[in-house]
């Protein structure tokens, strides 16, 4: 059965009925669609959270579902057809951890079924599709959160705290350079229905959207939360220069201006494995910088100082914290920090880099009107 079959399968296809009816009072009943790499991170969080009962799983790979279910004590109902998981009355929260191109249909179907949704990043492979998901969430009255879990890491939390505290003064400029090797060849392979070409889904534009959406959006999310202003202008350049079998870029440079005047310079290289990335955040009174080590503060004519102490952070798995904040939003304790608006503003940078590179032009906020 292909991934396309998974999307279009009709009729119930439950593989087994476990003990999913045995849910403790106050627990969230979760159905997880996608039992692959990111699904494993979600599963790890579930196993640490007493407030979660996984009542259903869906994946094309029955053996993988069995492996997940064994860790859960055999309590989840298993479905090949993801639509049947969404229909399951014993599921009130749907977590979606599948390739990017599948996000809109699955998220919209779940929201229309009255389920709360935690959708892995990016929100969608295009801006119109992202706005459709956002509109459906607003219409449904259900909580939609986008799984950009890096927000809950110690380093990102500390950086946010430092910038918000004013330790570097007014934010003016951010520079981020990221490096890594190629994606794992063991990743799931997508078949292009038009050409018949089969490759790792992260290499294919139809499945991924772009490398910026799949890889860079975490950095973009951090920047959007620091800047707190919409994108105004973007110029960019990039190409596939090393991995000739990829459709998605392996090198990129982008220059982004925000409406409040902050500038953001970004680059990545996917064929420089082991090279540490760098982040530099400049205000009118100081600079924060780091590679893979500690955060350093340059200010008042002194370089390389330790910044003010990190406070108010719970050192816990990022996905656990993400789910707890998501559940707080479901309980009516404020909007999810990882709401569709933040996800769209983060993805806009990726959409803008794609347009600027492919169309060889300046992209502005008017392109997202």
Protein backbone atom coordinates (compact mmCIF):
# COMPACT_ATOMS: atom_id res chain seq x y z
CA UNK A 1 0.00 0.00 0.00
CA UNK A 2 1.46 3.37 -1.02
CA UNK A 3 1.28 6.66 0.89
CA UNK A 4 -1.17 7.85 -1.78
CA UNK A 5 -3.35 4.83 -1.01
CA UNK A 6 -3.16 5.78 2.66
CA UNK A 7 -4.59 9.20 1.82
CA UNK A 8 -7.41 7.88 -0.36
CA UNK A 9 -8.31 4.59 1.34
CA UNK A 10 -12.03 4.12 1.94
CA UNK A 11 -13.73 2.14 4.64
CA UNK A 12 -12.64 1.09 8.12
CA UNK A 13 -9.21 -0.49 8.34
CA UNK A 14 -8.60 -0.94 12.05
CA UNK A 15 -5.95 -3.59 12.61
CA UNK A 16 -6.65 -4.32 16.24
CA UNK A 17 -8.80 -3.13 19.11
CA UNK A 18 -6.85 -2.66 22.31
CA UNK A 19 -7.90 -1.44 25.74
CA UNK A 20 -8.35 2.15 24.59
CA UNK A 21 -11.60 2.52 26.51
CA UNK A 22 -9.70 2.44 29.79
CA UNK A 23 -8.82 6.11 30.10
CA UNK A 24 -8.33 7.76 33.47
CA UNK A 25 -10.42 10.81 34.28
CA UNK A 26 -8.69 14.00 33.16
CA UNK A 27 -6.41 12.27 30.66
CA UNK A 28 -6.22 13.51 27.08
CA UNK A 29 -7.07 10.80 24.57
CA UNK A 30 -4.58 11.09 21.74
CA UNK A 31 -4.46 9.53 18.31
CA UNK A 32 -1.04 9.72 16.63
CA UNK A 33 -0.87 9.72 12.82
CA UNK A 34 2.63 8.90 11.62
CA UNK A 35 4.85 6.50 13.54
CA UNK A 36 8.18 7.46 11.97
CA UNK A 37 11.08 9.67 13.04
CA UNK A 38 9.12 12.59 14.50
CA UNK A 39 6.45 10.25 15.79
CA UNK A 40 9.14 8.64 17.93
CA UNK A 41 9.77 11.97 19.67
CA UNK A 42 6.04 12.31 20.35
CA UNK A 43 5.92 8.74 21.69
CA UNK A 44 8.82 9.49 24.02
CA UNK A 45 6.86 12.42 25.46
CA UNK A 46 3.70 10.32 25.88
CA UNK A 47 5.55 7.75 27.91
CA UNK A 48 6.58 10.47 30.38
CA UNK A 49 3.16 12.09 30.77
CA UNK A 50 0.50 10.59 33.01
CA UNK A 51 -2.02 13.07 31.61
CA UNK A 52 -1.91 11.34 28.22
CA UNK A 53 -3.54 8.13 27.07
CA UNK A 54 -2.70 7.13 23.51
CA UNK A 55 -5.90 5.55 22.28
CA UNK A 56 -5.11 5.17 18.57
CA UNK A 57 -2.21 4.91 16.13
CA UNK A 58 -2.11 5.20 12.35
CA UNK A 59 0.70 4.34 9.97
CA UNK A 60 1.22 2.40 6.75
CA UNK A 61 3.72 0.13 8.49
CA UNK A 62 1.92 -2.36 10.70
CA UNK A 63 5.16 -3.56 12.29
CA UNK A 64 6.02 -0.01 13.29
CA UNK A 65 2.59 0.44 14.86
CA UNK A 66 3.10 -2.83 16.73
CA UNK A 67 6.43 -1.57 18.07
CA UNK A 68 4.81 1.68 19.25
CA UNK A 69 1.87 -0.15 20.75
CA UNK A 70 4.07 -2.54 22.69
CA UNK A 71 5.71 0.43 24.40
CA UNK A 72 2.24 1.75 25.23
CA UNK A 73 1.19 -1.52 26.80
CA UNK A 74 -0.90 -2.62 23.82
CA UNK A 75 -3.68 -0.15 24.63
CA UNK A 76 -4.05 1.66 21.29
CA UNK A 77 -6.32 0.84 18.39
CA UNK A 78 -4.34 0.62 15.16
CA UNK A 79 -5.48 1.99 11.82
CA UNK A 80 -3.95 1.86 8.37
CA UNK A 81 -6.47 4.49 7.22
CA UNK A 82 -5.84 7.76 9.08
CA UNK A 83 -9.44 8.85 8.45
CA UNK A 84 -10.67 6.05 10.67
CA UNK A 85 -8.45 7.25 13.49
CA UNK A 86 -10.00 10.71 13.21
CA UNK A 87 -13.49 9.19 13.31
CA UNK A 88 -12.65 7.23 16.47
CA UNK A 89 -14.84 8.59 19.29
CA UNK A 90 -12.17 7.59 21.77
CA UNK A 91 -9.80 10.22 20.33
CA UNK A 92 -10.17 13.88 21.29
CA UNK A 93 -6.70 15.09 20.26
CA UNK A 94 -5.05 14.23 16.94
CA UNK A 95 -1.27 14.52 16.63
CA UNK A 96 -0.01 14.58 13.04
CA UNK A 97 3.63 13.65 12.32
CA UNK A 98 3.74 12.92 8.59
CA UNK A 99 5.48 14.43 5.51
CA UNK A 100 4.62 18.07 4.87
CA UNK A 101 2.38 17.69 1.84
CA UNK A 102 -0.10 15.62 3.88
CA UNK A 103 -0.62 18.28 6.55
CA UNK A 104 -3.58 20.26 5.13
CA UNK A 105 -5.97 17.40 4.42
CA UNK A 106 -5.28 15.61 7.68
CA UNK A 107 -5.42 18.74 9.86
CA UNK A 108 -8.59 20.10 8.24
CA UNK A 109 -10.32 16.72 8.44
CA UNK A 110 -9.46 16.42 12.13
CA UNK A 111 -10.63 19.97 12.94
CA UNK A 112 -13.91 19.40 11.10
CA UNK A 113 -14.38 16.23 13.13
CA UNK A 114 -14.20 18.30 16.31
CA UNK A 115 -10.70 17.24 17.36
CA UNK A 116 -7.94 19.41 18.80
CA UNK A 117 -4.86 19.16 16.57
CA UNK A 118 -1.11 19.22 17.20
CA UNK A 119 0.41 19.40 13.73
CA UNK A 120 4.11 18.95 13.10
CA UNK A 121 5.90 21.86 11.45
CA UNK A 122 5.70 23.38 8.93
CA UNK A 123 2.02 24.26 8.94
CA UNK A 124 1.77 23.69 5.14
CA UNK A 125 3.90 23.71 1.99
CA UNK A 126 2.27 26.90 0.66
CA UNK A 127 0.89 30.13 2.10
CA UNK A 128 -2.69 29.62 0.77
CA UNK A 129 -2.82 26.14 2.30
CA UNK A 130 -1.51 27.47 5.61
CA UNK A 131 -4.23 30.12 5.67
CA UNK A 132 -6.86 27.46 4.94
CA UNK A 133 -5.75 25.45 7.96
CA UNK A 134 -5.74 28.59 10.11
CA UNK A 135 -9.26 29.52 8.97
CA UNK A 136 -10.55 26.02 9.65
CA UNK A 137 -9.12 26.08 13.17
CA UNK A 138 -10.82 29.41 13.87
CA UNK A 139 -14.10 28.13 12.46
CA UNK A 140 -13.96 24.89 14.44
CA UNK A 141 -13.28 26.51 17.80
CA UNK A 142 -10.72 23.79 18.46
CA UNK A 143 -7.09 24.34 19.45
CA UNK A 144 -4.48 24.02 16.72
CA UNK A 145 -0.79 24.04 17.67
CA UNK A 146 2.19 23.63 15.33
CA UNK A 147 4.99 21.43 16.65
CA UNK A 148 7.99 23.75 16.67
CA UNK A 149 9.40 22.19 19.80
CA UNK A 150 12.68 24.11 19.72
CA UNK A 151 10.87 26.93 21.55
CA UNK A 152 11.08 24.72 24.65
CA UNK A 153 14.83 24.11 24.61
CA UNK A 154 16.97 25.76 27.26
CA UNK A 155 19.05 27.78 24.80
CA UNK A 156 16.12 29.24 22.84
CA UNK A 157 14.21 29.98 26.04
CA UNK A 158 17.24 31.77 27.52
CA UNK A 159 17.82 33.82 24.34
CA UNK A 160 14.16 34.88 24.31
CA UNK A 161 14.37 35.86 27.96
CA UNK A 162 17.55 37.88 27.43
CA UNK A 163 16.27 39.80 24.42
CA UNK A 164 12.90 40.47 26.05
CA UNK A 165 14.69 41.74 29.20
CA UNK A 166 16.46 44.44 27.20
CA UNK A 167 19.98 43.31 28.08
CA UNK A 168 21.14 44.16 24.53
CA UNK A 169 18.81 47.13 24.18
CA UNK A 170 16.61 47.50 21.12
CA UNK A 171 16.94 44.54 18.74
CA UNK A 172 18.38 45.61 15.39
CA UNK A 173 19.99 42.67 13.56
CA UNK A 174 20.05 38.86 13.62
CA UNK A 175 22.50 36.66 11.71
CA UNK A 176 22.12 32.86 11.63
CA UNK A 177 24.27 30.39 9.67
CA UNK A 178 23.35 26.68 9.81
CA UNK A 179 25.29 23.65 8.59
CA UNK A 180 24.58 19.94 8.42
CA UNK A 181 25.04 16.87 6.25
CA UNK A 182 22.49 15.30 3.94
CA UNK A 183 19.21 13.81 5.12
CA UNK A 184 19.30 10.15 6.10
CA UNK A 185 18.89 7.80 3.10
CA UNK A 186 16.62 5.71 5.34
CA UNK A 187 13.92 8.37 5.24
CA UNK A 188 10.54 7.48 3.75
CA UNK A 189 10.54 7.58 -0.07
CA UNK A 190 7.87 9.57 -1.90
CA UNK A 191 6.72 8.67 -5.42
CA UNK A 192 5.87 11.63 -7.64
CA UNK A 193 2.48 10.71 -9.19
CA UNK A 194 3.26 12.74 -12.35
CA UNK A 195 6.77 11.50 -13.16
CA UNK A 196 6.91 8.24 -11.22
CA UNK A 197 10.22 9.31 -9.69
CA UNK A 198 10.83 7.90 -6.21
CA UNK A 199 13.18 9.50 -3.68
CA UNK A 200 13.51 10.52 -0.04
CA UNK A 201 10.53 12.83 0.49
CA UNK A 202 12.79 15.63 1.76
CA UNK A 203 14.44 15.77 -1.68
CA UNK A 204 11.12 16.37 -3.48
CA UNK A 205 9.43 19.76 -3.69
CA UNK A 206 5.94 18.30 -3.99
CA UNK A 207 6.37 16.46 -0.71
CA UNK A 208 8.48 18.93 1.28
CA UNK A 209 7.87 22.38 -0.18
CA UNK A 210 11.48 23.45 0.33
CA UNK A 211 14.49 22.82 2.52
CA UNK A 212 13.72 26.10 4.26
CA UNK A 213 10.29 24.79 5.28
CA UNK A 214 11.62 21.44 6.46
CA UNK A 215 14.91 22.51 8.04
CA UNK A 216 15.15 26.27 8.51
CA UNK A 217 11.68 26.96 9.90
CA UNK A 218 12.90 26.28 13.46
CA UNK A 219 15.39 29.15 13.18
CA UNK A 220 12.72 31.30 11.51
CA UNK A 221 10.34 30.62 14.38
CA UNK A 222 12.95 31.77 16.88
CA UNK A 223 13.57 34.97 14.91
CA UNK A 224 9.86 35.75 14.54
CA UNK A 225 9.39 35.41 18.30
CA UNK A 226 12.35 37.72 18.94
CA UNK A 227 11.43 40.36 16.36
CA UNK A 228 7.65 40.44 16.89
CA UNK A 229 6.99 42.12 13.55
CA UNK A 230 5.75 40.98 10.11
CA UNK A 231 8.03 40.37 7.15
CA UNK A 232 8.42 43.45 4.94
CA UNK A 233 10.96 42.47 2.27
CA UNK A 234 13.09 39.51 1.21
CA UNK A 235 15.86 38.90 -1.30
CA UNK A 236 17.48 35.49 -1.59
CA UNK A 237 19.73 33.17 -3.55
CA UNK A 238 20.14 29.43 -3.41
CA UNK A 239 20.52 26.27 -5.44
CA UNK A 240 21.19 22.56 -5.48
CA UNK A 241 24.93 22.56 -6.04
CA UNK A 242 26.18 19.38 -4.33
CA UNK A 243 23.39 16.77 -4.13
CA UNK A 244 22.40 16.54 -7.78
CA UNK A 245 19.54 14.11 -7.12
CA UNK A 246 17.70 16.66 -4.95
CA UNK A 247 14.96 19.02 -6.11
CA UNK A 248 15.25 20.99 -2.87
CA UNK A 249 18.11 23.42 -2.23
CA UNK A 250 21.28 22.37 -0.42
CA UNK A 251 22.58 25.94 -0.08
CA UNK A 252 20.72 29.16 0.66
CA UNK A 253 21.25 32.81 1.54
CA UNK A 254 18.44 35.17 2.47
CA UNK A 255 18.17 38.79 3.59
CA UNK A 256 14.93 39.66 5.35
CA UNK A 257 13.68 43.05 6.55
CA UNK A 258 10.85 43.26 9.07
CA UNK A 259 8.31 46.07 9.31
CA UNK A 260 9.82 47.36 12.58
CA UNK A 261 13.22 47.81 10.92
CA UNK A 262 15.01 44.70 12.25
CA UNK A 263 17.19 42.96 9.66
CA UNK A 264 17.77 39.21 9.46
CA UNK A 265 20.56 37.52 7.51
CA UNK A 266 20.27 33.74 7.08
CA UNK A 267 22.24 31.00 5.35
CA UNK A 268 22.51 27.24 5.34
CA UNK A 269 24.73 24.61 3.77
CA UNK A 270 23.72 20.94 3.74
CA UNK A 271 27.08 19.53 2.70
CA UNK A 272 29.23 20.72 5.58
CA UNK A 273 28.57 18.08 8.18
CA UNK A 274 30.19 18.75 11.53
CA UNK A 275 30.62 22.50 11.06
CA UNK A 276 29.10 24.40 13.99
CA UNK A 277 26.38 26.88 13.20
CA UNK A 278 26.51 30.44 14.47
CA UNK A 279 23.90 32.85 15.77
CA UNK A 280 24.52 36.55 16.42
CA UNK A 281 21.78 38.78 17.85
CA UNK A 282 22.62 42.48 17.88
CA UNK A 283 20.90 45.27 19.80
CA UNK A 284 21.78 48.92 20.15
CA UNK A 285 23.43 48.23 23.52
CA UNK A 286 25.01 44.81 23.11
CA UNK A 287 25.29 41.51 21.27
CA UNK A 288 24.42 37.91 22.12
CA UNK A 289 26.24 35.16 20.24
CA UNK A 290 26.75 31.42 20.33
CA UNK A 291 27.85 28.48 18.27
CA UNK A 292 27.26 25.08 19.86
CA UNK A 293 28.44 26.15 23.30
CA UNK A 294 27.38 28.70 25.86
CA UNK A 295 25.68 32.01 25.08
CA UNK A 296 28.08 34.97 25.29
CA UNK A 297 27.31 38.65 25.80
CA UNK A 298 29.32 41.51 24.31
CA UNK A 299 28.41 44.90 25.79
CA UNK A 300 29.88 47.97 27.44
CA UNK A 301 33.21 47.47 25.70
CA UNK A 302 33.62 43.98 27.17
CA UNK A 303 33.48 40.79 25.10
CA UNK A 304 32.63 37.20 25.90
CA UNK A 305 30.89 37.74 29.23
CA UNK A 306 28.31 35.41 30.65
CA UNK A 307 24.83 36.90 30.27
CA UNK A 308 22.35 37.24 33.15
CA UNK A 309 21.32 33.89 34.64
CA UNK A 310 18.64 31.81 33.00
CA UNK A 311 15.53 31.66 35.21
CA UNK A 312 12.07 30.13 35.14
CA UNK A 313 12.98 27.22 32.88
CA UNK A 314 11.97 23.63 33.59
CA UNK A 315 14.64 21.29 32.24
CA UNK A 316 12.33 18.75 30.66
CA UNK A 317 12.01 17.16 27.22
CA UNK A 318 10.92 19.84 24.74
CA UNK A 319 8.02 17.78 23.44
CA UNK A 320 6.70 17.27 26.99
CA UNK A 321 6.65 21.01 27.57
CA UNK A 322 5.07 21.56 24.16
CA UNK A 323 2.22 19.19 24.97
CA UNK A 324 1.65 20.70 28.41
CA UNK A 325 1.29 24.18 26.93
CA UNK A 326 -1.00 22.75 24.23
CA UNK A 327 -3.19 21.11 26.88
CA UNK A 328 -3.32 24.35 28.86
CA UNK A 329 -4.71 26.06 25.77
CA UNK A 330 -7.32 23.31 25.38
CA UNK A 331 -8.30 23.90 29.01
CA UNK A 332 -8.92 27.55 28.17
CA UNK A 333 -5.81 28.97 29.82
CA UNK A 334 -4.81 31.17 26.89
CA UNK A 335 -3.93 30.63 23.25
CA UNK A 336 -1.28 28.07 22.37
CA UNK A 337 2.12 29.74 22.03
CA UNK A 338 2.61 27.65 18.90
CA UNK A 339 -0.57 28.90 17.24
CA UNK A 340 -1.21 29.10 13.51
CA UNK A 341 -0.38 32.81 13.39
CA UNK A 342 3.15 32.24 14.68
CA UNK A 343 3.59 29.22 12.41
CA UNK A 344 2.53 31.21 9.36
CA UNK A 345 4.81 34.16 10.14
CA UNK A 346 7.68 31.69 10.54
CA UNK A 347 6.83 29.85 7.32
CA UNK A 348 6.44 33.17 5.46
CA UNK A 349 10.21 33.57 5.55
CA UNK A 350 10.56 30.17 3.85
CA UNK A 351 7.83 31.00 1.32
CA UNK A 352 9.51 34.36 0.61
CA UNK A 353 12.95 32.78 0.12
CA UNK A 354 11.41 30.27 -2.29
CA UNK A 355 9.70 32.98 -4.34
CA UNK A 356 12.70 35.33 -4.30
CA UNK A 357 15.07 32.55 -5.40
CA UNK A 358 12.90 30.86 -8.01
CA UNK A 359 11.45 34.07 -9.49
CA UNK A 360 14.63 36.16 -9.13
CA UNK A 361 12.84 39.12 -7.56
CA UNK A 362 12.27 41.04 -4.37
CA UNK A 363 9.40 39.62 -2.31
CA UNK A 364 7.46 41.97 -0.05
CA UNK A 365 4.65 41.77 2.45
CA UNK A 366 2.24 42.54 -0.38
CA UNK A 367 2.90 39.05 -1.75
CA UNK A 368 1.07 37.74 1.34
CA UNK A 369 -1.90 40.12 1.20
